[in-house]
Amino acid sequence: MSGKRQWMAQHVSDPYVKKARKEGFRSRAVYKLMEIDEKDRIVRPGSTVIDLGAAPGGWSQWVSKRLQGKGRVIALDCLPMEPLPDVTFIQGDFLEDQTLEVLLNTLGDEKAGLVISDMAPNMSGVKAVDIPRVLELAELAMDLSVKVLAKRGVLLMKIFQGAGTDVLIKQLRTRFSRVVIRKPKASRPKSRECYVLSQGFLG
């Protein structure tokens, strides 16, 4: 069986994929965020939440439901995303000045209480190539969070453990009072994927 067909077979039989379909969520990734939130209570009613790399919208969808109309969700992605109730979607690359300007205008005088990022580049399967690209995205998400987070705000982002991870963690610890690694059950066991949770933005 080819790698692509093998992945598809695993994907179709994945219990989280089945659960997401049954419960009406756009992706299995929602259960990763759900588990982290159950443990660390990062999604708080009244917060403004920015979701980077949001498409197809599973995280934004769940956060919007969790906020119950008390707060805002601003989702960004280069790819189009089907509309979601109570979610403002900005299509564009947040690294581009124009997209960043739209985001800052959308925020207005507010600051975000939470930035979440499940972004990952197209994976080549070559660890020496993929891990630096994932870490670069994480660093860019961290740089954006410095611009938009309120004091004591929270940043949650995906990384792949490997060379360079320790450097990123050290950088985060200069900007946040608490930095921990989370590996939710919904993350595939063979994947090097995990999430860095940074709480208490120092401003």
N, C-alpha and C. Protein backbone atom coordinates (compact mmCIF):
# COMPACT_ATOMS: atom_id res chain seq x y z
N MET A 1 0.86 -1.20 0.00
CA MET A 1 0.00 0.00 0.00
C MET A 1 0.89 1.24 0.00
N SER A 2 0.59 2.21 -0.88
CA SER A 2 1.37 3.44 -0.93
C SER A 2 1.16 4.24 0.35
N GLY A 3 2.12 5.17 0.60
CA GLY A 3 2.02 5.98 1.82
C GLY A 3 0.73 6.77 1.89
N LYS A 4 0.32 7.33 0.74
CA LYS A 4 -0.91 8.13 0.71
C LYS A 4 -2.14 7.28 0.99
N ARG A 5 -2.20 6.10 0.37
CA ARG A 5 -3.34 5.21 0.58
C ARG A 5 -3.36 4.69 2.01
N GLN A 6 -2.18 4.42 2.56
CA GLN A 6 -2.09 3.95 3.95
C GLN A 6 -2.60 5.03 4.90
N TRP A 7 -2.17 6.31 4.64
CA TRP A 7 -2.63 7.41 5.48
C TRP A 7 -4.14 7.54 5.40
N MET A 8 -4.71 7.43 4.18
CA MET A 8 -6.15 7.57 4.00
C MET A 8 -6.90 6.48 4.75
N ALA A 9 -6.38 5.24 4.68
CA ALA A 9 -7.02 4.12 5.39
C ALA A 9 -7.03 4.36 6.90
N GLN A 10 -5.88 4.86 7.42
CA GLN A 10 -5.79 5.17 8.86
C GLN A 10 -6.73 6.32 9.22
N HIS A 11 -6.79 7.32 8.32
CA HIS A 11 -7.63 8.49 8.57
C HIS A 11 -9.10 8.11 8.66
N VAL A 12 -9.55 7.29 7.71
CA VAL A 12 -10.97 6.90 7.66
C VAL A 12 -11.36 6.09 8.91
N SER A 13 -10.41 5.27 9.39
CA SER A 13 -10.72 4.42 10.56
C SER A 13 -10.41 5.11 11.89
N ASP A 14 -9.85 6.31 11.84
CA ASP A 14 -9.46 7.05 13.04
C ASP A 14 -10.71 7.36 13.89
N PRO A 15 -10.70 6.97 15.18
CA PRO A 15 -11.87 7.21 16.03
C PRO A 15 -12.20 8.69 16.19
N TYR A 16 -11.17 9.56 16.17
CA TYR A 16 -11.42 11.00 16.32
C TYR A 16 -12.04 11.58 15.06
N VAL A 17 -11.68 11.04 13.89
CA VAL A 17 -12.31 11.46 12.64
C VAL A 17 -13.79 11.11 12.68
N LYS A 18 -14.08 9.87 13.12
CA LYS A 18 -15.48 9.41 13.21
C LYS A 18 -16.26 10.26 14.22
N LYS A 19 -15.61 10.54 15.34
CA LYS A 19 -16.27 11.33 16.40
C LYS A 19 -16.57 12.75 15.91
N ALA A 20 -15.60 13.36 15.18
CA ALA A 20 -15.80 14.71 14.65
C ALA A 20 -16.98 14.75 13.69
N ARG A 21 -17.07 13.74 12.83
CA ARG A 21 -18.20 13.69 11.89
C ARG A 21 -19.52 13.56 12.64
N LYS A 22 -19.53 12.69 13.62
CA LYS A 22 -20.75 12.44 14.39
C LYS A 22 -21.20 13.69 15.15
N GLU A 23 -20.24 14.43 15.69
CA GLU A 23 -20.57 15.60 16.52
C GLU A 23 -20.61 16.91 15.72
N GLY A 24 -20.37 16.81 14.40
CA GLY A 24 -20.53 17.97 13.54
C GLY A 24 -19.37 18.95 13.54
N PHE A 25 -18.18 18.48 13.92
CA PHE A 25 -17.00 19.34 13.89
C PHE A 25 -16.26 19.19 12.57
N ARG A 26 -15.58 20.25 12.18
CA ARG A 26 -14.94 20.28 10.86
C ARG A 26 -13.64 19.49 10.79
N SER A 27 -13.03 19.20 11.92
CA SER A 27 -11.78 18.42 11.90
C SER A 27 -11.59 17.70 13.22
N ARG A 28 -10.76 16.65 13.17
CA ARG A 28 -10.43 15.88 14.37
C ARG A 28 -9.58 16.71 15.33
N ALA A 29 -8.92 17.76 14.82
CA ALA A 29 -8.02 18.58 15.63
C ALA A 29 -8.73 19.24 16.80
N VAL A 30 -10.06 19.35 16.70
CA VAL A 30 -10.83 19.99 17.77
C VAL A 30 -10.63 19.29 19.11
N TYR A 31 -10.41 17.97 19.07
CA TYR A 31 -10.29 17.22 20.33
C TYR A 31 -8.94 17.48 21.02
N LYS A 32 -7.95 17.91 20.24
CA LYS A 32 -6.68 18.30 20.85
C LYS A 32 -6.88 19.57 21.68
N LEU A 33 -7.52 20.55 21.07
CA LEU A 33 -7.78 21.82 21.77
C LEU A 33 -8.70 21.61 22.96
N MET A 34 -9.70 20.77 22.78
CA MET A 34 -10.66 20.49 23.84
C MET A 34 -9.96 19.90 25.08
N GLU A 35 -9.05 18.97 24.83
CA GLU A 35 -8.34 18.32 25.95
C GLU A 35 -7.42 19.31 26.66
N ILE A 36 -6.73 20.14 25.89
CA ILE A 36 -5.85 21.15 26.51
C ILE A 36 -6.67 22.13 27.33
N ASP A 37 -7.82 22.53 26.80
CA ASP A 37 -8.67 23.48 27.52
C ASP A 37 -9.24 22.87 28.80
N GLU A 38 -9.59 21.59 28.74
CA GLU A 38 -10.10 20.91 29.94
C GLU A 38 -9.06 20.93 31.06
N LYS A 39 -7.80 20.78 30.67
CA LYS A 39 -6.72 20.72 31.66
C LYS A 39 -6.28 22.11 32.12
N ASP A 40 -6.20 23.07 31.18
CA ASP A 40 -5.57 24.35 31.47
C ASP A 40 -6.50 25.56 31.44
N ARG A 41 -7.76 25.36 31.05
CA ARG A 41 -8.77 26.44 31.05
C ARG A 41 -8.26 27.69 30.34
N ILE A 42 -7.95 27.55 29.06
CA ILE A 42 -7.38 28.68 28.34
C ILE A 42 -8.43 29.50 27.59
N VAL A 43 -9.59 28.90 27.29
CA VAL A 43 -10.64 29.62 26.57
C VAL A 43 -11.63 30.16 27.60
N ARG A 44 -11.62 31.48 27.75
CA ARG A 44 -12.43 32.09 28.82
C ARG A 44 -13.47 33.01 28.23
N PRO A 45 -14.73 32.88 28.68
CA PRO A 45 -15.79 33.76 28.20
C PRO A 45 -15.39 35.23 28.34
N GLY A 46 -15.70 36.01 27.31
CA GLY A 46 -15.34 37.43 27.31
C GLY A 46 -14.05 37.72 26.58
N SER A 47 -13.26 36.66 26.27
CA SER A 47 -11.97 36.85 25.61
C SER A 47 -12.13 37.10 24.12
N THR A 48 -11.13 37.78 23.56
CA THR A 48 -10.95 37.82 22.11
C THR A 48 -9.90 36.77 21.78
N VAL A 49 -10.25 35.87 20.87
CA VAL A 49 -9.37 34.75 20.51
C VAL A 49 -8.98 34.88 19.04
N ILE A 50 -7.69 34.77 18.75
CA ILE A 50 -7.19 34.79 17.38
C ILE A 50 -6.71 33.39 17.02
N ASP A 51 -7.25 32.85 15.93
CA ASP A 51 -6.94 31.50 15.47
C ASP A 51 -6.13 31.60 14.18
N LEU A 52 -4.83 31.28 14.25
CA LEU A 52 -3.94 31.35 13.09
C LEU A 52 -3.94 30.02 12.35
N GLY A 53 -3.98 30.08 11.02
CA GLY A 53 -4.02 28.84 10.24
C GLY A 53 -5.31 28.09 10.50
N ALA A 54 -6.41 28.84 10.48
CA ALA A 54 -7.68 28.33 11.01
C ALA A 54 -8.38 27.29 10.15
N ALA A 55 -8.24 27.38 8.81
CA ALA A 55 -9.00 26.48 7.92
C ALA A 55 -8.67 25.01 8.21
N PRO A 56 -9.65 24.13 8.18
CA PRO A 56 -11.04 24.31 7.75
C PRO A 56 -11.97 24.93 8.81
N GLY A 57 -11.44 25.17 10.02
CA GLY A 57 -12.23 25.92 11.00
C GLY A 57 -12.64 25.17 12.24
N GLY A 58 -12.09 23.98 12.45
CA GLY A 58 -12.48 23.18 13.62
C GLY A 58 -12.23 23.88 14.94
N TRP A 59 -11.04 24.47 15.09
CA TRP A 59 -10.72 25.14 16.36
C TRP A 59 -11.61 26.36 16.57
N SER A 60 -11.77 27.18 15.52
CA SER A 60 -12.64 28.36 15.64
C SER A 60 -14.07 27.96 15.97
N GLN A 61 -14.52 26.89 15.33
CA GLN A 61 -15.89 26.38 15.55
C GLN A 61 -16.10 26.02 17.01
N TRP A 62 -15.13 25.29 17.59
CA TRP A 62 -15.28 24.85 18.99
C TRP A 62 -15.14 26.03 19.95
N VAL A 63 -14.17 26.93 19.68
CA VAL A 63 -13.97 28.09 20.56
C VAL A 63 -15.22 28.96 20.58
N SER A 64 -15.83 29.15 19.40
CA SER A 64 -17.05 29.96 19.31
C SER A 64 -18.16 29.36 20.17
N LYS A 65 -18.31 28.05 20.12
CA LYS A 65 -19.33 27.38 20.94
C LYS A 65 -18.99 27.51 22.43
N ARG A 66 -17.71 27.41 22.74
CA ARG A 66 -17.27 27.48 24.13
C ARG A 66 -17.51 28.89 24.72
N LEU A 67 -17.35 29.91 23.88
CA LEU A 67 -17.54 31.29 24.36
C LEU A 67 -19.02 31.64 24.54
N GLN A 68 -19.89 30.93 23.84
CA GLN A 68 -21.35 31.13 23.97
C GLN A 68 -21.75 32.60 23.77
N GLY A 69 -21.16 33.22 22.76
CA GLY A 69 -21.52 34.60 22.45
C GLY A 69 -20.86 35.64 23.32
N LYS A 70 -20.07 35.20 24.30
CA LYS A 70 -19.39 36.14 25.20
C LYS A 70 -17.91 36.19 24.84
N GLY A 71 -17.58 37.02 23.85
CA GLY A 71 -16.20 37.10 23.37
C GLY A 71 -16.20 37.17 21.86
N ARG A 72 -15.00 37.14 21.27
CA ARG A 72 -14.86 37.23 19.83
C ARG A 72 -13.86 36.19 19.35
N VAL A 73 -14.10 35.69 18.14
CA VAL A 73 -13.13 34.81 17.49
C VAL A 73 -12.77 35.45 16.15
N ILE A 74 -11.47 35.66 15.95
CA ILE A 74 -10.96 36.16 14.67
C ILE A 74 -10.08 35.06 14.10
N ALA A 75 -10.47 34.54 12.94
CA ALA A 75 -9.75 33.43 12.31
C ALA A 75 -9.00 33.93 11.08
N LEU A 76 -7.76 33.45 10.90
CA LEU A 76 -6.96 33.82 9.73
C LEU A 76 -6.46 32.56 9.02
N ASP A 77 -6.44 32.63 7.71
CA ASP A 77 -5.80 31.57 6.93
C ASP A 77 -5.58 32.05 5.51
N CYS A 78 -4.54 31.50 4.86
CA CYS A 78 -4.32 31.78 3.43
C CYS A 78 -5.41 31.13 2.59
N LEU A 79 -5.92 30.00 3.07
CA LEU A 79 -6.95 29.25 2.35
C LEU A 79 -8.34 29.80 2.68
N PRO A 80 -9.30 29.63 1.78
CA PRO A 80 -10.67 30.03 2.10
C PRO A 80 -11.25 29.15 3.20
N MET A 81 -12.24 29.66 3.91
CA MET A 81 -12.89 28.91 4.98
C MET A 81 -14.39 29.20 4.95
N GLU A 82 -15.18 28.16 5.01
CA GLU A 82 -16.64 28.34 5.06
C GLU A 82 -17.01 29.16 6.29
N PRO A 83 -17.98 30.08 6.18
CA PRO A 83 -18.35 30.93 7.32
C PRO A 83 -18.79 30.11 8.54
N LEU A 84 -18.53 30.67 9.70
CA LEU A 84 -18.96 30.09 10.97
C LEU A 84 -19.69 31.16 11.78
N PRO A 85 -20.72 30.79 12.54
CA PRO A 85 -21.41 31.77 13.38
C PRO A 85 -20.44 32.40 14.38
N ASP A 86 -20.53 33.69 14.56
CA ASP A 86 -19.75 34.43 15.56
C ASP A 86 -18.23 34.34 15.35
N VAL A 87 -17.81 34.06 14.12
CA VAL A 87 -16.38 34.03 13.80
C VAL A 87 -16.11 35.01 12.66
N THR A 88 -15.18 35.94 12.88
CA THR A 88 -14.74 36.86 11.83
C THR A 88 -13.56 36.23 11.12
N PHE A 89 -13.70 36.00 9.80
CA PHE A 89 -12.63 35.34 9.06
C PHE A 89 -11.89 36.34 8.18
N ILE A 90 -10.56 36.29 8.26
CA ILE A 90 -9.70 37.11 7.40
C ILE A 90 -8.88 36.16 6.54
N GLN A 91 -9.06 36.23 5.23
CA GLN A 91 -8.26 35.38 4.35
C GLN A 91 -7.01 36.13 3.93
N GLY A 92 -5.86 35.54 4.22
CA GLY A 92 -4.60 36.17 3.86
C GLY A 92 -3.48 35.60 4.70
N ASP A 93 -2.27 35.96 4.36
CA ASP A 93 -1.07 35.51 5.06
C ASP A 93 -0.74 36.54 6.14
N PHE A 94 -0.74 36.11 7.39
CA PHE A 94 -0.53 37.08 8.48
C PHE A 94 0.88 37.66 8.46
N LEU A 95 1.77 37.08 7.65
CA LEU A 95 3.12 37.62 7.53
C LEU A 95 3.15 38.85 6.61
N GLU A 96 2.09 39.01 5.83
CA GLU A 96 2.03 40.15 4.91
C GLU A 96 1.44 41.37 5.64
N ASP A 97 2.03 42.53 5.38
CA ASP A 97 1.62 43.76 6.07
C ASP A 97 0.13 44.04 5.91
N GLN A 98 -0.39 43.78 4.70
CA GLN A 98 -1.80 44.08 4.43
C GLN A 98 -2.72 43.25 5.32
N THR A 99 -2.41 41.95 5.46
CA THR A 99 -3.23 41.07 6.30
C THR A 99 -3.11 41.47 7.76
N LEU A 100 -1.90 41.78 8.19
CA LEU A 100 -1.67 42.20 9.58
C LEU A 100 -2.46 43.48 9.88
N GLU A 101 -2.49 44.37 8.91
CA GLU A 101 -3.23 45.63 9.09
C GLU A 101 -4.73 45.36 9.25
N VAL A 102 -5.26 44.43 8.43
CA VAL A 102 -6.67 44.06 8.55
C VAL A 102 -6.94 43.47 9.93
N LEU A 103 -6.05 42.60 10.40
CA LEU A 103 -6.20 42.00 11.72
C LEU A 103 -6.21 43.08 12.81
N LEU A 104 -5.25 43.99 12.76
CA LEU A 104 -5.15 45.03 13.79
C LEU A 104 -6.36 45.97 13.75
N ASN A 105 -6.85 46.25 12.53
CA ASN A 105 -8.06 47.08 12.40
C ASN A 105 -9.28 46.36 12.97
N THR A 106 -9.33 45.04 12.76
CA THR A 106 -10.44 44.22 13.28
C THR A 106 -10.41 44.20 14.81
N LEU A 107 -9.21 44.12 15.36
CA LEU A 107 -9.06 44.15 16.83
C LEU A 107 -9.46 45.51 17.39
N GLY A 108 -9.13 46.57 16.66
CA GLY A 108 -9.40 47.92 17.15
C GLY A 108 -8.57 48.22 18.39
N ASP A 109 -9.22 48.75 19.42
CA ASP A 109 -8.50 49.09 20.65
C ASP A 109 -8.33 47.90 21.58
N GLU A 110 -8.90 46.76 21.20
CA GLU A 110 -8.82 45.57 22.06
C GLU A 110 -7.48 44.87 21.93
N LYS A 111 -7.20 44.04 22.91
CA LYS A 111 -6.09 43.10 22.82
C LYS A 111 -6.68 41.70 22.96
N ALA A 112 -5.99 40.72 22.40
CA ALA A 112 -6.46 39.34 22.47
C ALA A 112 -6.09 38.71 23.81
N GLY A 113 -6.99 37.88 24.31
CA GLY A 113 -6.68 37.12 25.52
C GLY A 113 -5.99 35.81 25.20
N LEU A 114 -6.18 35.34 23.94
CA LEU A 114 -5.66 34.03 23.55
C LEU A 114 -5.34 34.02 22.06
N VAL A 115 -4.15 33.54 21.73
CA VAL A 115 -3.78 33.26 20.34
C VAL A 115 -3.55 31.76 20.23
N ILE A 116 -4.22 31.12 19.26
CA ILE A 116 -4.05 29.68 19.05
C ILE A 116 -3.56 29.46 17.63
N SER A 117 -2.68 28.49 17.47
CA SER A 117 -2.12 28.20 16.15
C SER A 117 -1.92 26.70 15.98
N ASP A 118 -2.63 26.14 15.01
CA ASP A 118 -2.44 24.73 14.66
C ASP A 118 -1.75 24.64 13.30
N MET A 119 -1.03 25.72 12.95
CA MET A 119 -0.39 25.80 11.63
C MET A 119 0.72 24.77 11.48
N ALA A 120 0.81 24.24 10.27
CA ALA A 120 1.94 23.39 9.89
C ALA A 120 2.16 23.56 8.40
N PRO A 121 3.43 23.54 7.95
CA PRO A 121 3.69 23.62 6.52
C PRO A 121 3.33 22.30 5.85
N ASN A 122 3.32 22.27 4.53
CA ASN A 122 3.17 21.00 3.82
C ASN A 122 4.39 20.15 4.15
N MET A 123 4.13 18.97 4.71
CA MET A 123 5.22 18.14 5.21
C MET A 123 5.84 17.31 4.09
N SER A 124 7.19 17.26 4.10
CA SER A 124 7.91 16.50 3.08
C SER A 124 8.20 15.07 3.54
N GLY A 125 8.12 14.86 4.85
CA GLY A 125 8.50 13.55 5.39
C GLY A 125 9.97 13.49 5.77
N VAL A 126 10.72 14.54 5.46
CA VAL A 126 12.14 14.60 5.81
C VAL A 126 12.28 15.45 7.07
N LYS A 127 12.64 14.78 8.16
CA LYS A 127 12.67 15.43 9.48
C LYS A 127 13.54 16.69 9.50
N ALA A 128 14.72 16.61 8.85
CA ALA A 128 15.66 17.73 8.86
C ALA A 128 15.11 18.95 8.13
N VAL A 129 14.13 18.74 7.26
CA VAL A 129 13.50 19.84 6.53
C VAL A 129 12.24 20.32 7.25
N ASP A 130 11.43 19.35 7.69
CA ASP A 130 10.11 19.68 8.24
C ASP A 130 10.17 20.39 9.58
N ILE A 131 11.03 19.92 10.50
CA ILE A 131 11.05 20.49 11.85
C ILE A 131 11.46 21.96 11.84
N PRO A 132 12.52 22.36 11.10
CA PRO A 132 12.84 23.79 11.04
C PRO A 132 11.70 24.64 10.46
N ARG A 133 10.98 24.11 9.49
CA ARG A 133 9.87 24.88 8.89
C ARG A 133 8.73 25.05 9.90
N VAL A 134 8.45 24.00 10.67
CA VAL A 134 7.41 24.10 11.70
C VAL A 134 7.83 25.11 12.77
N LEU A 135 9.10 25.04 13.18
CA LEU A 135 9.58 25.96 14.21
C LEU A 135 9.58 27.40 13.72
N GLU A 136 9.86 27.60 12.43
CA GLU A 136 9.81 28.95 11.87
C GLU A 136 8.39 29.52 11.97
N LEU A 137 7.39 28.70 11.64
CA LEU A 137 6.00 29.14 11.77
C LEU A 137 5.67 29.47 13.22
N ALA A 138 6.16 28.64 14.15
CA ALA A 138 5.91 28.88 15.58
C ALA A 138 6.54 30.20 16.03
N GLU A 139 7.75 30.48 15.56
CA GLU A 139 8.41 31.74 15.91
C GLU A 139 7.63 32.94 15.38
N LEU A 140 7.10 32.80 14.17
CA LEU A 140 6.31 33.89 13.58
C LEU A 140 5.00 34.10 14.34
N ALA A 141 4.40 32.98 14.79
CA ALA A 141 3.19 33.08 15.61
C ALA A 141 3.50 33.77 16.94
N MET A 142 4.67 33.44 17.51
CA MET A 142 5.09 34.08 18.76
C MET A 142 5.28 35.59 18.55
N ASP A 143 5.92 35.96 17.45
CA ASP A 143 6.14 37.38 17.16
C ASP A 143 4.81 38.13 17.01
N LEU A 144 3.85 37.50 16.34
CA LEU A 144 2.54 38.13 16.20
C LEU A 144 1.86 38.28 17.56
N SER A 145 1.96 37.24 18.40
CA SER A 145 1.30 37.28 19.71
C SER A 145 1.79 38.44 20.56
N VAL A 146 3.08 38.78 20.42
CA VAL A 146 3.65 39.91 21.16
C VAL A 146 2.94 41.21 20.78
N LYS A 147 2.51 41.31 19.51
CA LYS A 147 1.82 42.52 19.04
C LYS A 147 0.37 42.59 19.50
N VAL A 148 -0.28 41.42 19.65
CA VAL A 148 -1.74 41.44 19.82
C VAL A 148 -2.25 40.99 21.20
N LEU A 149 -1.40 40.34 22.00
CA LEU A 149 -1.88 39.80 23.27
C LEU A 149 -1.98 40.87 24.36
N ALA A 150 -3.00 40.72 25.17
CA ALA A 150 -3.11 41.53 26.39
C ALA A 150 -2.13 40.97 27.42
N LYS A 151 -1.81 41.79 28.40
CA LYS A 151 -0.96 41.32 29.49
C LYS A 151 -1.65 40.14 30.18
N ARG A 152 -0.87 39.12 30.51
CA ARG A 152 -1.34 37.86 31.09
C ARG A 152 -2.09 36.99 30.06
N GLY A 153 -2.01 37.36 28.79
CA GLY A 153 -2.64 36.56 27.73
C GLY A 153 -1.94 35.23 27.52
N VAL A 154 -2.52 34.40 26.65
CA VAL A 154 -2.08 33.01 26.46
C VAL A 154 -1.82 32.75 24.99
N LEU A 155 -0.77 31.97 24.71
CA LEU A 155 -0.43 31.53 23.36
C LEU A 155 -0.33 30.01 23.35
N LEU A 156 -1.07 29.39 22.44
CA LEU A 156 -0.98 27.93 22.25
C LEU A 156 -0.63 27.67 20.80
N MET A 157 0.45 26.92 20.56
CA MET A 157 0.83 26.67 19.17
C MET A 157 1.46 25.30 19.00
N LYS A 158 1.27 24.78 17.80
CA LYS A 158 1.81 23.47 17.46
C LYS A 158 3.30 23.57 17.13
N ILE A 159 4.06 22.59 17.60
CA ILE A 159 5.45 22.43 17.17
C ILE A 159 5.70 20.94 16.92
N PHE A 160 6.83 20.64 16.32
CA PHE A 160 7.29 19.26 16.19
C PHE A 160 8.60 19.17 16.95
N GLN A 161 8.68 18.28 17.90
CA GLN A 161 9.86 18.21 18.75
C GLN A 161 11.08 17.78 17.94
N GLY A 162 12.17 18.49 18.15
CA GLY A 162 13.41 18.20 17.43
C GLY A 162 14.40 19.32 17.66
N ALA A 163 15.43 19.35 16.83
CA ALA A 163 16.47 20.37 16.96
C ALA A 163 15.86 21.76 16.84
N GLY A 164 16.20 22.62 17.78
CA GLY A 164 15.70 23.99 17.77
C GLY A 164 14.54 24.22 18.72
N THR A 165 13.89 23.15 19.18
CA THR A 165 12.74 23.30 20.08
C THR A 165 13.14 23.99 21.38
N ASP A 166 14.30 23.60 21.93
CA ASP A 166 14.75 24.18 23.20
C ASP A 166 14.97 25.69 23.10
N VAL A 167 15.48 26.12 21.96
CA VAL A 167 15.72 27.56 21.74
C VAL A 167 14.41 28.33 21.76
N LEU A 168 13.40 27.76 21.08
CA LEU A 168 12.07 28.39 21.05
C LEU A 168 11.48 28.48 22.46
N ILE A 169 11.59 27.40 23.22
CA ILE A 169 11.05 27.38 24.59
C ILE A 169 11.73 28.47 25.44
N LYS A 170 13.04 28.61 25.29
CA LYS A 170 13.77 29.64 26.04
C LYS A 170 13.27 31.04 25.68
N GLN A 171 13.03 31.26 24.38
CA GLN A 171 12.49 32.56 23.95
C GLN A 171 11.13 32.82 24.58
N LEU A 172 10.30 31.82 24.58
CA LEU A 172 8.95 31.96 25.15
C LEU A 172 9.02 32.27 26.64
N ARG A 173 9.97 31.67 27.33
CA ARG A 173 10.08 31.86 28.79
C ARG A 173 10.53 33.27 29.15
N THR A 174 11.06 34.02 28.18
CA THR A 174 11.41 35.42 28.45
C THR A 174 10.18 36.32 28.31
N ARG A 175 9.10 35.76 27.72
CA ARG A 175 7.92 36.57 27.42
C ARG A 175 6.66 36.13 28.17
N PHE A 176 6.69 34.93 28.72
CA PHE A 176 5.53 34.37 29.43
C PHE A 176 5.98 33.81 30.77
N SER A 177 5.07 33.85 31.74
CA SER A 177 5.44 33.40 33.09
C SER A 177 5.41 31.88 33.22
N ARG A 178 4.69 31.18 32.33
CA ARG A 178 4.61 29.72 32.42
C ARG A 178 4.58 29.13 31.01
N VAL A 179 5.48 28.21 30.74
CA VAL A 179 5.55 27.55 29.43
C VAL A 179 5.63 26.05 29.64
N VAL A 180 4.66 25.31 29.07
CA VAL A 180 4.63 23.86 29.23
C VAL A 180 4.34 23.21 27.87
N ILE A 181 4.69 21.93 27.78
CA ILE A 181 4.41 21.14 26.57
C ILE A 181 3.20 20.26 26.83
N ARG A 182 2.31 20.19 25.86
CA ARG A 182 1.13 19.32 25.95
C ARG A 182 1.11 18.38 24.74
N LYS A 183 0.85 17.12 25.00
CA LYS A 183 0.69 16.11 23.94
C LYS A 183 -0.69 15.47 24.12
N PRO A 184 -1.72 16.05 23.49
CA PRO A 184 -3.08 15.52 23.68
C PRO A 184 -3.22 14.10 23.13
N LYS A 185 -4.19 13.38 23.68
CA LYS A 185 -4.44 12.00 23.24
C LYS A 185 -4.80 11.95 21.75
N ALA A 186 -5.44 13.00 21.24
CA ALA A 186 -5.85 13.02 19.84
C ALA A 186 -4.69 13.24 18.88
N SER A 187 -3.51 13.63 19.39
CA SER A 187 -2.32 13.68 18.54
C SER A 187 -1.91 12.24 18.24
N ARG A 188 -1.68 11.96 16.98
CA ARG A 188 -1.33 10.58 16.62
C ARG A 188 -0.05 10.17 17.33
N PRO A 189 -0.04 8.97 17.94
CA PRO A 189 1.10 8.54 18.77
C PRO A 189 2.45 8.59 18.06
N LYS A 190 2.48 8.25 16.76
CA LYS A 190 3.75 8.22 16.02
C LYS A 190 4.23 9.61 15.62
N SER A 191 3.35 10.60 15.72
CA SER A 191 3.70 11.95 15.29
C SER A 191 4.58 12.64 16.33
N ARG A 192 5.52 13.46 15.84
CA ARG A 192 6.36 14.27 16.74
C ARG A 192 5.64 15.55 17.16
N GLU A 193 4.41 15.69 16.70
CA GLU A 193 3.61 16.87 17.02
C GLU A 193 3.33 16.98 18.51
N CYS A 194 3.45 18.20 19.00
CA CYS A 194 2.99 18.51 20.36
C CYS A 194 2.63 19.99 20.36
N TYR A 195 2.19 20.48 21.50
CA TYR A 195 1.74 21.88 21.59
C TYR A 195 2.48 22.58 22.73
N VAL A 196 2.93 23.79 22.44
CA VAL A 196 3.55 24.61 23.47
C VAL A 196 2.48 25.57 24.00
N LEU A 197 2.23 25.50 25.29
CA LEU A 197 1.27 26.38 25.93
C LEU A 197 2.03 27.40 26.76
N SER A 198 1.88 28.68 26.40
CA SER A 198 2.56 29.76 27.10
C SER A 198 1.50 30.66 27.75
N GLN A 199 1.56 30.76 29.05
CA GLN A 199 0.56 31.52 29.80
C GLN A 199 1.20 32.69 30.53
N GLY A 200 0.39 33.71 30.78
CA GLY A 200 0.88 34.86 31.55
C GLY A 200 1.82 35.74 30.74
N PHE A 201 1.34 36.26 29.61
CA PHE A 201 2.18 37.14 28.78
C PHE A 201 2.62 38.34 29.62
N LEU A 202 3.93 38.60 29.58
CA LEU A 202 4.50 39.62 30.45
C LEU A 202 4.37 41.03 29.89
N GLY A 203 3.93 41.14 28.63
CA GLY A 203 3.73 42.47 28.05
C GLY A 203 5.01 43.05 27.48
